[in-house]
Amino acid sequence: MRRFQTRGFTLIELLVVIAIIAILASIILASLGTARSKSRDARRVADFRQIQIALEMYNNDNYHYPVLATYGNISVIGSLLSPAYISVLPSDPGGGAGYVYKYGSLTGSGPTATYCTVAASCNSFVLVAQLESATPASTFASSYQGTAYSGSAVTTCGTAVNGGYYCVRP
């Protein structure tokens, strides 16, 4: 009597291979999420550089920064900057996750700066974005990345620290 042998994998071997693939896939997906958040943070920094240049050009032409009576969404001053100083005002890449670029027009300097409401006194500004991942402060050596932020009273960028908010002042 001849015995038929079939060649193939046993059920145990298949389950082991599937388990290994699932573990590798979960590790890859987790690292992709971190890379995406760091990418969005890098985009925020690049956007702020563009916005800062547009604000400086506006200041050069008008002898003051755009007036915003309260600290709020940068889109409020978008019509003053776009298209004359920046083709399109960038928006936060976080989208619907509650992330938004914030702007405040200031008078004075340093921690004593206050919000201005009269164009002639708006000699400074603050731009603030919330970061998704804790990034070393050395990455943002050109300005402060601060957590000196409480509600709507942001007049100073604070000191360079890890995580929190990315803050730009002239």
N, C-alpha and C. Protein backbone atom coordinates (compact mmCIF):
# COMPACT_ATOMS: atom_id res chain seq x y z
N MET A 1 0.82 -1.17 0.00
CA MET A 1 0.00 0.00 0.00
C MET A 1 0.88 1.25 0.00
N ARG A 2 0.54 2.15 -0.90
CA ARG A 2 1.30 3.39 -1.04
C ARG A 2 0.71 4.49 -0.18
N ARG A 3 1.58 5.17 0.47
CA ARG A 3 1.13 6.27 1.32
C ARG A 3 1.29 7.58 0.55
N PHE A 4 0.23 8.39 0.57
CA PHE A 4 0.28 9.69 -0.11
C PHE A 4 0.78 10.74 0.87
N GLN A 5 1.83 11.41 0.46
CA GLN A 5 2.34 12.50 1.28
C GLN A 5 2.04 13.81 0.56
N THR A 6 1.44 14.70 1.30
CA THR A 6 1.19 16.02 0.73
C THR A 6 2.24 16.97 1.28
N ARG A 7 2.68 17.81 0.42
CA ARG A 7 3.67 18.78 0.84
C ARG A 7 2.95 20.10 1.13
N GLY A 8 3.31 20.73 2.25
CA GLY A 8 2.69 21.99 2.63
C GLY A 8 3.03 22.32 4.07
N PHE A 9 2.40 23.35 4.55
CA PHE A 9 2.66 23.81 5.91
C PHE A 9 1.59 23.26 6.85
N THR A 10 2.01 23.05 8.04
CA THR A 10 1.03 22.62 9.05
C THR A 10 0.31 23.85 9.57
N LEU A 11 -0.78 23.63 10.25
CA LEU A 11 -1.57 24.72 10.81
C LEU A 11 -0.75 25.53 11.81
N ILE A 12 0.05 24.88 12.61
CA ILE A 12 0.88 25.57 13.61
C ILE A 12 1.88 26.48 12.92
N GLU A 13 2.53 26.01 11.87
CA GLU A 13 3.49 26.83 11.16
C GLU A 13 2.84 28.08 10.57
N LEU A 14 1.66 27.91 9.99
CA LEU A 14 0.94 29.05 9.43
C LEU A 14 0.57 30.06 10.51
N LEU A 15 0.12 29.60 11.65
CA LEU A 15 -0.25 30.50 12.74
C LEU A 15 0.96 31.26 13.27
N VAL A 16 2.10 30.61 13.36
CA VAL A 16 3.31 31.28 13.82
C VAL A 16 3.72 32.39 12.84
N VAL A 17 3.67 32.11 11.56
CA VAL A 17 4.03 33.10 10.55
C VAL A 17 3.05 34.29 10.59
N ILE A 18 1.76 34.02 10.72
CA ILE A 18 0.77 35.09 10.79
C ILE A 18 0.98 35.94 12.04
N ALA A 19 1.32 35.31 13.16
CA ALA A 19 1.57 36.06 14.40
C ALA A 19 2.79 36.96 14.25
N ILE A 20 3.84 36.46 13.63
CA ILE A 20 5.04 37.27 13.42
C ILE A 20 4.75 38.46 12.52
N ILE A 21 4.00 38.24 11.45
CA ILE A 21 3.64 39.34 10.55
C ILE A 21 2.79 40.38 11.28
N ALA A 22 1.87 39.94 12.11
CA ALA A 22 1.01 40.87 12.86
C ALA A 22 1.84 41.71 13.83
N ILE A 23 2.80 41.11 14.49
CA ILE A 23 3.66 41.86 15.43
C ILE A 23 4.48 42.90 14.68
N LEU A 24 5.08 42.50 13.56
CA LEU A 24 5.87 43.44 12.76
C LEU A 24 5.01 44.58 12.23
N ALA A 25 3.81 44.29 11.79
CA ALA A 25 2.91 45.32 11.27
C ALA A 25 2.53 46.32 12.36
N SER A 26 2.27 45.84 13.57
CA SER A 26 1.90 46.76 14.64
C SER A 26 3.07 47.66 15.03
N ILE A 27 4.28 47.15 15.00
CA ILE A 27 5.47 47.97 15.31
C ILE A 27 5.65 49.04 14.25
N ILE A 28 5.48 48.67 13.00
CA ILE A 28 5.64 49.63 11.90
C ILE A 28 4.57 50.71 11.98
N LEU A 29 3.33 50.34 12.24
CA LEU A 29 2.25 51.32 12.32
C LEU A 29 2.46 52.28 13.49
N ALA A 30 2.96 51.80 14.60
CA ALA A 30 3.22 52.67 15.75
C ALA A 30 4.31 53.69 15.43
N SER A 31 5.36 53.26 14.75
CA SER A 31 6.44 54.18 14.42
C SER A 31 6.01 55.18 13.35
N LEU A 32 5.10 54.79 12.46
CA LEU A 32 4.59 55.72 11.46
C LEU A 32 3.79 56.84 12.11
N GLY A 33 3.04 56.54 13.14
CA GLY A 33 2.27 57.57 13.85
C GLY A 33 3.17 58.62 14.46
N THR A 34 4.27 58.19 15.06
CA THR A 34 5.23 59.12 15.65
C THR A 34 5.88 59.97 14.57
N ALA A 35 6.24 59.34 13.47
CA ALA A 35 6.87 60.07 12.37
C ALA A 35 5.91 61.11 11.79
N ARG A 36 4.65 60.77 11.70
CA ARG A 36 3.66 61.73 11.17
C ARG A 36 3.51 62.93 12.09
N SER A 37 3.47 62.72 13.40
CA SER A 37 3.32 63.86 14.31
C SER A 37 4.56 64.74 14.27
N LYS A 38 5.74 64.16 14.16
CA LYS A 38 6.96 64.96 14.05
C LYS A 38 6.98 65.72 12.73
N SER A 39 6.46 65.11 11.69
CA SER A 39 6.37 65.78 10.39
C SER A 39 5.44 66.98 10.46
N ARG A 40 4.30 66.83 11.14
CA ARG A 40 3.38 67.97 11.29
C ARG A 40 4.02 69.07 12.13
N ASP A 41 4.79 68.72 13.15
CA ASP A 41 5.48 69.73 13.95
C ASP A 41 6.50 70.49 13.10
N ALA A 42 7.24 69.78 12.27
CA ALA A 42 8.21 70.43 11.38
C ALA A 42 7.51 71.37 10.40
N ARG A 43 6.34 70.96 9.93
CA ARG A 43 5.54 71.80 9.03
C ARG A 43 5.09 73.07 9.74
N ARG A 44 4.72 72.96 11.01
CA ARG A 44 4.31 74.14 11.79
C ARG A 44 5.45 75.15 11.87
N VAL A 45 6.65 74.66 12.12
CA VAL A 45 7.82 75.54 12.21
C VAL A 45 8.06 76.24 10.87
N ALA A 46 7.98 75.49 9.78
CA ALA A 46 8.18 76.07 8.45
C ALA A 46 7.09 77.09 8.13
N ASP A 47 5.85 76.78 8.48
CA ASP A 47 4.75 77.71 8.25
C ASP A 47 4.97 79.01 9.02
N PHE A 48 5.44 78.89 10.27
CA PHE A 48 5.67 80.09 11.07
C PHE A 48 6.77 80.95 10.49
N ARG A 49 7.76 80.35 9.88
CA ARG A 49 8.81 81.14 9.24
C ARG A 49 8.23 81.95 8.09
N GLN A 50 7.34 81.33 7.31
CA GLN A 50 6.70 82.04 6.19
C GLN A 50 5.80 83.16 6.71
N ILE A 51 5.02 82.87 7.74
CA ILE A 51 4.12 83.88 8.30
C ILE A 51 4.93 85.02 8.91
N GLN A 52 6.02 84.70 9.57
CA GLN A 52 6.86 85.72 10.18
C GLN A 52 7.43 86.65 9.12
N ILE A 53 7.86 86.11 8.00
CA ILE A 53 8.37 86.95 6.90
C ILE A 53 7.27 87.85 6.36
N ALA A 54 6.07 87.30 6.19
CA ALA A 54 4.94 88.10 5.71
C ALA A 54 4.61 89.22 6.69
N LEU A 55 4.65 88.92 8.00
CA LEU A 55 4.38 89.95 9.00
C LEU A 55 5.44 91.04 8.98
N GLU A 56 6.69 90.66 8.78
CA GLU A 56 7.77 91.66 8.70
C GLU A 56 7.60 92.55 7.46
N MET A 57 7.20 91.97 6.33
CA MET A 57 6.97 92.77 5.13
C MET A 57 5.79 93.73 5.34
N TYR A 58 4.74 93.25 5.99
CA TYR A 58 3.59 94.10 6.32
C TYR A 58 4.04 95.26 7.21
N ASN A 59 4.83 94.96 8.21
CA ASN A 59 5.35 95.98 9.12
C ASN A 59 6.21 97.00 8.38
N ASN A 60 7.00 96.53 7.45
CA ASN A 60 7.86 97.41 6.67
C ASN A 60 7.04 98.41 5.86
N ASP A 61 5.92 97.97 5.30
CA ASP A 61 5.07 98.83 4.48
C ASP A 61 4.14 99.72 5.31
N ASN A 62 3.68 99.25 6.47
CA ASN A 62 2.65 99.95 7.24
C ASN A 62 3.15 100.53 8.57
N TYR A 63 4.39 100.27 8.93
CA TYR A 63 5.00 100.78 10.16
C TYR A 63 4.34 100.23 11.44
N HIS A 64 3.65 99.13 11.34
CA HIS A 64 3.08 98.43 12.49
C HIS A 64 2.67 97.04 12.03
N TYR A 65 2.46 96.16 12.99
CA TYR A 65 1.99 94.81 12.67
C TYR A 65 0.47 94.81 12.61
N PRO A 66 -0.14 93.83 11.94
CA PRO A 66 -1.61 93.79 11.89
C PRO A 66 -2.22 93.80 13.29
N VAL A 67 -3.27 94.58 13.44
CA VAL A 67 -3.92 94.73 14.74
C VAL A 67 -4.99 93.65 14.90
N LEU A 68 -4.91 92.95 16.00
CA LEU A 68 -5.95 92.00 16.38
C LEU A 68 -6.26 92.30 17.84
N ALA A 69 -7.46 92.79 18.10
CA ALA A 69 -7.81 93.29 19.42
C ALA A 69 -7.64 92.24 20.52
N THR A 70 -7.80 90.97 20.18
CA THR A 70 -7.61 89.91 21.16
C THR A 70 -6.73 88.83 20.55
N TYR A 71 -6.15 88.03 21.38
CA TYR A 71 -5.35 86.88 20.94
C TYR A 71 -6.28 85.85 20.34
N GLY A 72 -6.02 85.42 19.10
CA GLY A 72 -6.93 84.46 18.49
C GLY A 72 -6.39 83.84 17.23
N ASN A 73 -7.28 83.23 16.48
CA ASN A 73 -6.96 82.50 15.25
C ASN A 73 -6.32 83.44 14.24
N ILE A 74 -5.22 83.02 13.65
CA ILE A 74 -4.50 83.87 12.70
C ILE A 74 -5.30 84.13 11.43
N SER A 75 -6.30 83.31 11.15
CA SER A 75 -7.09 83.50 9.94
C SER A 75 -7.82 84.84 9.95
N VAL A 76 -8.00 85.44 11.13
CA VAL A 76 -8.68 86.73 11.24
C VAL A 76 -7.90 87.82 10.51
N ILE A 77 -6.58 87.75 10.52
CA ILE A 77 -5.76 88.75 9.83
C ILE A 77 -5.32 88.27 8.45
N GLY A 78 -5.85 87.14 8.01
CA GLY A 78 -5.45 86.57 6.73
C GLY A 78 -5.63 87.51 5.55
N SER A 79 -6.72 88.27 5.55
CA SER A 79 -6.98 89.18 4.42
C SER A 79 -5.97 90.33 4.37
N LEU A 80 -5.33 90.65 5.50
CA LEU A 80 -4.31 91.70 5.51
C LEU A 80 -2.98 91.21 4.93
N LEU A 81 -2.72 89.92 5.05
CA LEU A 81 -1.44 89.36 4.60
C LEU A 81 -1.51 88.73 3.22
N SER A 82 -2.63 88.12 2.90
CA SER A 82 -2.75 87.38 1.65
C SER A 82 -3.63 88.16 0.68
N PRO A 83 -3.26 88.27 -0.56
CA PRO A 83 -2.11 87.72 -1.28
C PRO A 83 -0.93 88.67 -1.39
N ALA A 84 -1.00 89.87 -0.77
CA ALA A 84 0.06 90.86 -0.94
C ALA A 84 1.40 90.41 -0.37
N TYR A 85 1.39 89.74 0.80
CA TYR A 85 2.64 89.41 1.47
C TYR A 85 2.92 87.91 1.53
N ILE A 86 1.88 87.12 1.36
CA ILE A 86 2.02 85.66 1.35
C ILE A 86 0.91 85.14 0.44
N SER A 87 1.24 84.23 -0.45
CA SER A 87 0.24 83.80 -1.44
C SER A 87 -0.99 83.18 -0.78
N VAL A 88 -0.78 82.28 0.15
CA VAL A 88 -1.88 81.65 0.89
C VAL A 88 -1.45 81.55 2.34
N LEU A 89 -2.30 82.01 3.24
CA LEU A 89 -1.98 81.91 4.66
C LEU A 89 -2.07 80.44 5.07
N PRO A 90 -0.98 79.86 5.55
CA PRO A 90 -1.00 78.44 5.90
C PRO A 90 -1.92 78.16 7.10
N SER A 91 -2.45 76.97 7.12
CA SER A 91 -3.25 76.56 8.28
C SER A 91 -2.57 75.36 8.92
N ASP A 92 -2.89 75.12 10.16
CA ASP A 92 -2.24 74.06 10.91
C ASP A 92 -2.50 72.70 10.25
N PRO A 93 -1.45 71.88 10.06
CA PRO A 93 -1.63 70.57 9.43
C PRO A 93 -2.37 69.57 10.30
N GLY A 94 -2.61 69.91 11.57
CA GLY A 94 -3.36 69.02 12.46
C GLY A 94 -4.83 68.94 12.09
N GLY A 95 -5.28 69.90 11.30
CA GLY A 95 -6.65 69.89 10.81
C GLY A 95 -7.69 69.93 11.91
N GLY A 96 -8.58 68.97 11.91
CA GLY A 96 -9.71 68.95 12.83
C GLY A 96 -9.37 68.50 14.23
N ALA A 97 -8.09 68.30 14.53
CA ALA A 97 -7.70 67.80 15.86
C ALA A 97 -7.65 68.89 16.91
N GLY A 98 -8.22 70.06 16.62
CA GLY A 98 -8.20 71.15 17.59
C GLY A 98 -6.96 72.01 17.53
N TYR A 99 -6.08 71.75 16.58
CA TYR A 99 -4.87 72.55 16.43
C TYR A 99 -5.17 73.73 15.52
N VAL A 100 -4.70 74.91 15.91
CA VAL A 100 -4.90 76.10 15.10
C VAL A 100 -3.77 77.08 15.39
N TYR A 101 -3.36 77.83 14.37
CA TYR A 101 -2.33 78.84 14.56
C TYR A 101 -2.96 80.05 15.24
N LYS A 102 -2.28 80.56 16.27
CA LYS A 102 -2.80 81.71 17.03
C LYS A 102 -1.88 82.91 16.80
N TYR A 103 -2.47 84.11 16.86
CA TYR A 103 -1.75 85.37 16.65
C TYR A 103 -2.22 86.40 17.67
N GLY A 104 -1.30 87.23 18.09
CA GLY A 104 -1.64 88.36 18.94
C GLY A 104 -0.75 89.53 18.59
N SER A 105 -1.34 90.72 18.45
CA SER A 105 -0.54 91.92 18.19
C SER A 105 -0.19 92.53 19.55
N LEU A 106 1.07 92.92 19.70
CA LEU A 106 1.58 93.37 21.00
C LEU A 106 2.19 94.76 20.93
N THR A 107 2.24 95.41 22.06
CA THR A 107 3.00 96.64 22.22
C THR A 107 3.97 96.41 23.37
N GLY A 108 5.16 96.92 23.23
CA GLY A 108 6.18 96.68 24.25
C GLY A 108 7.01 95.47 23.90
N SER A 109 7.89 95.09 24.83
CA SER A 109 8.75 93.94 24.56
C SER A 109 8.91 93.10 25.81
N GLY A 110 9.37 91.90 25.61
CA GLY A 110 9.64 90.99 26.72
C GLY A 110 8.39 90.63 27.50
N PRO A 111 8.56 90.26 28.75
CA PRO A 111 7.42 89.83 29.56
C PRO A 111 6.45 90.95 29.92
N THR A 112 6.83 92.20 29.68
CA THR A 112 5.93 93.31 29.98
C THR A 112 5.05 93.69 28.79
N ALA A 113 5.20 93.00 27.67
CA ALA A 113 4.40 93.30 26.48
C ALA A 113 2.92 93.08 26.78
N THR A 114 2.09 93.91 26.16
CA THR A 114 0.64 93.78 26.32
C THR A 114 0.00 93.80 24.94
N TYR A 115 -1.24 93.38 24.87
CA TYR A 115 -1.96 93.39 23.60
C TYR A 115 -2.26 94.82 23.18
N CYS A 116 -2.11 95.10 21.89
CA CYS A 116 -2.40 96.44 21.41
C CYS A 116 -3.69 96.44 20.60
N THR A 117 -4.35 97.57 20.61
CA THR A 117 -5.59 97.72 19.84
C THR A 117 -5.51 98.89 18.88
N VAL A 118 -4.45 99.69 18.98
CA VAL A 118 -4.26 100.85 18.11
C VAL A 118 -3.06 100.56 17.21
N ALA A 119 -3.25 100.72 15.91
CA ALA A 119 -2.21 100.35 14.95
C ALA A 119 -0.86 100.97 15.27
N ALA A 120 -0.84 102.24 15.65
CA ALA A 120 0.42 102.94 15.88
C ALA A 120 1.26 102.30 16.99
N SER A 121 0.61 101.61 17.91
CA SER A 121 1.37 101.04 19.02
C SER A 121 1.72 99.56 18.84
N CYS A 122 1.32 98.95 17.75
CA CYS A 122 1.58 97.51 17.53
C CYS A 122 2.98 97.31 16.98
N ASN A 123 3.96 97.24 17.88
CA ASN A 123 5.35 97.10 17.45
C ASN A 123 5.89 95.69 17.60
N SER A 124 5.01 94.73 17.91
CA SER A 124 5.44 93.36 18.09
C SER A 124 4.25 92.42 17.87
N PHE A 125 4.52 91.14 17.87
CA PHE A 125 3.47 90.15 17.71
C PHE A 125 3.88 88.87 18.39
N VAL A 126 2.96 87.95 18.51
CA VAL A 126 3.26 86.61 18.99
C VAL A 126 2.50 85.62 18.11
N LEU A 127 3.18 84.57 17.70
CA LEU A 127 2.57 83.45 16.97
C LEU A 127 2.73 82.21 17.82
N VAL A 128 1.65 81.45 17.99
CA VAL A 128 1.70 80.27 18.85
C VAL A 128 1.03 79.09 18.15
N ALA A 129 1.68 77.95 18.20
CA ALA A 129 1.10 76.70 17.70
C ALA A 129 1.33 75.61 18.73
N GLN A 130 0.36 74.75 18.88
CA GLN A 130 0.51 73.63 19.79
C GLN A 130 1.23 72.51 19.06
N LEU A 131 2.25 71.94 19.73
CA LEU A 131 3.00 70.83 19.15
C LEU A 131 2.39 69.50 19.57
N GLU A 132 2.59 68.49 18.74
CA GLU A 132 2.06 67.17 19.04
C GLU A 132 3.06 66.29 19.77
N SER A 133 4.34 66.48 19.48
CA SER A 133 5.34 65.63 20.11
C SER A 133 6.38 66.50 20.80
N ALA A 134 6.94 65.99 21.86
CA ALA A 134 7.97 66.72 22.58
C ALA A 134 9.21 66.76 21.71
N THR A 135 9.61 67.95 21.33
CA THR A 135 10.74 68.12 20.44
C THR A 135 11.85 68.86 21.18
N PRO A 136 13.09 68.45 21.02
CA PRO A 136 14.17 69.15 21.71
C PRO A 136 14.20 70.63 21.36
N ALA A 137 14.39 71.46 22.37
CA ALA A 137 14.39 72.91 22.17
C ALA A 137 15.48 73.35 21.20
N SER A 138 16.56 72.60 21.08
CA SER A 138 17.64 72.99 20.16
C SER A 138 17.17 73.00 18.72
N THR A 139 16.11 72.28 18.41
CA THR A 139 15.55 72.28 17.06
C THR A 139 15.04 73.67 16.71
N PHE A 140 14.58 74.40 17.71
CA PHE A 140 13.98 75.70 17.47
C PHE A 140 14.88 76.83 17.96
N ALA A 141 16.15 76.76 17.65
CA ALA A 141 17.11 77.72 18.17
C ALA A 141 16.83 79.15 17.71
N SER A 142 16.11 79.32 16.58
CA SER A 142 15.88 80.66 16.05
C SER A 142 14.84 81.43 16.83
N SER A 143 14.05 80.77 17.64
CA SER A 143 13.05 81.46 18.46
C SER A 143 12.78 80.60 19.68
N TYR A 144 11.85 81.00 20.50
CA TYR A 144 11.54 80.24 21.70
C TYR A 144 10.42 79.26 21.45
N GLN A 145 10.56 78.11 22.03
CA GLN A 145 9.49 77.14 22.05
C GLN A 145 9.11 77.11 23.52
N GLY A 146 7.97 77.68 23.85
CA GLY A 146 7.69 77.86 25.27
C GLY A 146 6.39 77.24 25.72
N THR A 147 6.27 77.11 27.01
CA THR A 147 5.02 76.67 27.61
C THR A 147 4.44 77.77 28.49
N ALA A 148 4.96 78.99 28.33
CA ALA A 148 4.44 80.13 29.08
C ALA A 148 3.13 80.53 28.43
N TYR A 149 2.12 79.77 28.70
CA TYR A 149 0.84 79.91 28.01
C TYR A 149 -0.26 79.60 29.00
N SER A 150 -1.10 80.56 29.28
CA SER A 150 -2.23 80.29 30.16
C SER A 150 -3.47 80.92 29.58
N GLY A 151 -4.34 80.09 29.07
CA GLY A 151 -5.58 80.59 28.48
C GLY A 151 -5.30 81.49 27.30
N SER A 152 -5.81 82.71 27.35
CA SER A 152 -5.61 83.64 26.23
C SER A 152 -4.58 84.71 26.56
N ALA A 153 -3.87 84.59 27.66
CA ALA A 153 -2.91 85.62 28.09
C ALA A 153 -1.50 85.28 27.67
N VAL A 154 -1.26 85.15 26.38
CA VAL A 154 0.09 84.86 25.91
C VAL A 154 0.71 86.15 25.42
N THR A 155 1.62 86.71 26.17
CA THR A 155 2.33 87.89 25.72
C THR A 155 3.83 87.64 25.65
N THR A 156 4.26 86.55 26.21
CA THR A 156 5.68 86.20 26.15
C THR A 156 5.82 84.76 25.70
N CYS A 157 6.90 84.47 25.04
CA CYS A 157 7.11 83.11 24.56
C CYS A 157 7.74 82.22 25.62
N GLY A 158 8.16 82.78 26.71
CA GLY A 158 8.74 81.95 27.75
C GLY A 158 10.16 81.56 27.43
N THR A 159 10.56 80.40 27.88
CA THR A 159 11.92 79.93 27.64
C THR A 159 11.87 78.63 26.86
N ALA A 160 12.97 78.28 26.26
CA ALA A 160 13.03 77.08 25.44
C ALA A 160 12.96 75.84 26.31
N VAL A 161 11.96 75.03 26.09
CA VAL A 161 11.76 73.79 26.84
C VAL A 161 11.24 72.72 25.90
N ASN A 162 11.14 71.50 26.37
CA ASN A 162 10.63 70.42 25.55
C ASN A 162 9.11 70.40 25.54
N GLY A 163 8.54 70.15 24.36
CA GLY A 163 7.09 69.95 24.24
C GLY A 163 6.30 71.22 24.40
N GLY A 164 4.99 71.08 24.46
CA GLY A 164 4.12 72.22 24.70
C GLY A 164 3.79 73.00 23.46
N TYR A 165 4.14 74.28 23.48
CA TYR A 165 3.76 75.19 22.42
C TYR A 165 4.98 75.78 21.74
N TYR A 166 4.88 75.99 20.45
CA TYR A 166 5.95 76.63 19.69
C TYR A 166 5.54 78.09 19.54
N CYS A 167 6.42 78.97 19.94
CA CYS A 167 6.09 80.38 20.02
C CYS A 167 7.13 81.19 19.26
N VAL A 168 6.68 82.18 18.49
CA VAL A 168 7.59 83.02 17.71
C VAL A 168 7.27 84.48 18.00
N ARG A 169 8.32 85.25 18.27
CA ARG A 169 8.23 86.71 18.42
C ARG A 169 9.31 87.32 17.54
N PRO A 170 9.13 88.56 17.11
CA PRO A 170 10.20 89.20 16.31
C PRO A 170 11.43 89.48 17.14
